[in-house]
C-alpha atoms as a PDB file:
ATOM      1  CA  MET A   1      75.284  95.742 109.204  1.00  0.00           C
ATOM      2  CA  ASN A   2      77.106  93.405 106.895  1.00  0.00           C
ATOM      3  CA  GLU A   3      80.360  94.220 105.157  1.00  0.00           C
ATOM      4  CA  LYS A   4      78.844  94.578 101.675  1.00  0.00           C
ATOM      5  CA  ASP A   5      76.269  97.124 102.888  1.00  0.00           C
ATOM      6  CA  PHE A   6      78.993  99.064 104.690  1.00  0.00           C
ATOM      7  CA  TYR A   7      81.048  99.240 101.501  1.00  0.00           C
ATOM      8  CA  LEU A   8      77.987 100.457  99.597  1.00  0.00           C
ATOM      9  CA  LYS A   9      77.573 103.289 102.133  1.00  0.00           C
ATOM     10  CA  ILE A  10      81.229 104.205 101.634  1.00  0.00           C
ATOM     11  CA  ASP A  11      80.675 104.112  97.847  1.00  0.00           C
ATOM     12  CA  GLU A  12      77.807 106.541  98.322  1.00  0.00           C
ATOM     13  CA  ALA A  13      79.862 108.879 100.512  1.00  0.00           C
ATOM     14  CA  LEU A  14      82.670 108.873  97.952  1.00  0.00           C
ATOM     15  CA  GLY A  15      80.292 109.470  95.066  1.00  0.00           C
ATOM     16  CA  ALA A  16      81.451 106.182  93.524  1.00  0.00           C
ATOM     17  CA  ASP A  17      79.414 103.644  91.603  1.00  0.00           C
ATOM     18  CA  PRO A  18      77.919 100.894  93.795  1.00  0.00           C
ATOM     19  CA  GLY A  19      80.377  98.044  94.132  1.00  0.00           C
ATOM     20  CA  THR A  20      83.466 100.184  93.610  1.00  0.00           C
ATOM     21  CA  VAL A  21      84.794  99.878  97.168  1.00  0.00           C
ATOM     22  CA  THR A  22      86.295  96.438  97.823  1.00  0.00           C
ATOM     23  CA  GLY A  23      87.580  97.060 101.341  1.00  0.00           C
ATOM     24  CA  GLN A  24      91.260  97.234 100.457  1.00  0.00           C
ATOM     25  CA  GLU A  25      91.183 100.976  99.793  1.00  0.00           C
ATOM     26  CA  LYS A  26      92.622 103.537 102.144  1.00  0.00           C
ATOM     27  CA  LEU A  27      90.101 106.369 102.192  1.00  0.00           C
ATOM     28  CA  ASP A  28      92.704 109.100 102.067  1.00  0.00           C
ATOM     29  CA  ASP A  29      94.246 107.464  98.972  1.00  0.00           C
ATOM     30  CA  THR A  30      91.056 107.537  96.897  1.00  0.00           C
ATOM     31  CA  ASP A  31      90.560 110.287  94.328  1.00  0.00           C
ATOM     32  CA  THR A  32      87.097 111.255  95.549  1.00  0.00           C
ATOM     33  CA  PHE A  33      87.846 111.361  99.273  1.00  0.00           C
ATOM     34  CA  ASP A  34      87.509 114.885 100.603  1.00  0.00           C
ATOM     35  CA  SER A  35      86.058 116.710 103.600  1.00  0.00           C
ATOM     36  CA  ILE A  36      82.504 116.279 102.296  1.00  0.00           C
ATOM     37  CA  ALA A  37      82.963 112.511 101.958  1.00  0.00           C
ATOM     38  CA  MET A  38      84.398 112.411 105.481  1.00  0.00           C
ATOM     39  CA  MET A  39      81.406 114.310 106.844  1.00  0.00           C
ATOM     40  CA  GLU A  40      79.021 111.920 105.083  1.00  0.00           C
ATOM     41  CA  ILE A  41      80.795 108.951 106.670  1.00  0.00           C
ATOM     42  CA  LEU A  42      80.741 110.572 110.106  1.00  0.00           C
ATOM     43  CA  VAL A  43      77.031 111.401 109.793  1.00  0.00           C
ATOM     44  CA  PHE A  44      76.178 107.895 108.547  1.00  0.00           C
ATOM     45  CA  LEU A  45      77.966 106.276 111.491  1.00  0.00           C
ATOM     46  CA  ASP A  46      76.380 108.645 114.001  1.00  0.00           C
ATOM     47  CA  GLU A  47      72.816 108.589 112.666  1.00  0.00           C
ATOM     48  CA  ASP A  48      72.581 104.887 111.834  1.00  0.00           C
ATOM     49  CA  PHE A  49      74.648 103.404 114.667  1.00  0.00           C
ATOM     50  CA  GLU A  50      75.241 106.168 117.231  1.00  0.00           C
ATOM     51  CA  ILE A  51      78.981 105.753 116.685  1.00  0.00           C
ATOM     52  CA  GLU A  52      80.866 109.001 117.167  1.00  0.00           C
ATOM     53  CA  MET A  53      84.318 109.119 115.634  1.00  0.00           C
ATOM     54  CA  THR A  54      86.805 111.752 114.657  1.00  0.00           C
ATOM     55  CA  PRO A  55      88.174 112.045 111.128  1.00  0.00           C
ATOM     56  CA  GLU A  56      91.582 111.104 112.517  1.00  0.00           C
ATOM     57  CA  LYS A  57      90.239 107.858 113.979  1.00  0.00           C
ATOM     58  CA  ILE A  58      88.639 106.889 110.688  1.00  0.00           C
ATOM     59  CA  ILE A  59      91.876 107.478 108.760  1.00  0.00           C
ATOM     60  CA  GLU A  60      93.904 105.758 111.484  1.00  0.00           C
ATOM     61  CA  HIS A  61      92.215 102.421 110.741  1.00  0.00           C
ATOM     62  CA  GLY A  62      93.866 102.255 107.338  1.00  0.00           C
ATOM     63  CA  THR A  63      91.666 100.315 104.950  1.00  0.00           C
ATOM     64  CA  VAL A  64      87.903 100.418 104.651  1.00  0.00           C
ATOM     65  CA  GLN A  65      87.848  96.748 105.656  1.00  0.00           C
ATOM     66  CA  ALA A  66      89.859  97.442 108.823  1.00  0.00           C
ATOM     67  CA  LEU A  67      87.443 100.237 109.717  1.00  0.00           C
ATOM     68  CA  PHE A  68      84.476  97.917 109.241  1.00  0.00           C
ATOM     69  CA  GLN A  69      86.093  95.183 111.353  1.00  0.00           C
ATOM     70  CA  LYS A  70      86.808  97.643 114.162  1.00  0.00           C
ATOM     71  CA  LEU A  71      83.275  99.041 114.158  1.00  0.00           C
ATOM     72  CA  PHE A  72      81.438  95.755 113.658  1.00  0.00           C
ATOM     73  CA  PRO A  73      83.543  92.972 115.215  1.00  0.00           C
END
């Protein structure tokens, strides 16, 4: 998966317009981030890539870009 496609999936989970996420956002600082958005991210990672993470681990990475870089080095 490339970075742009990852950001688009995060946009979708957040209910944001495509292209809104730039990578510099911290998920827990965005207005639309809630438990439903977190579940959508967790499901996307598990179903598409068989990556199991906890909500804490996702938040721990800081920015969306840092999360992408950790998952897809």
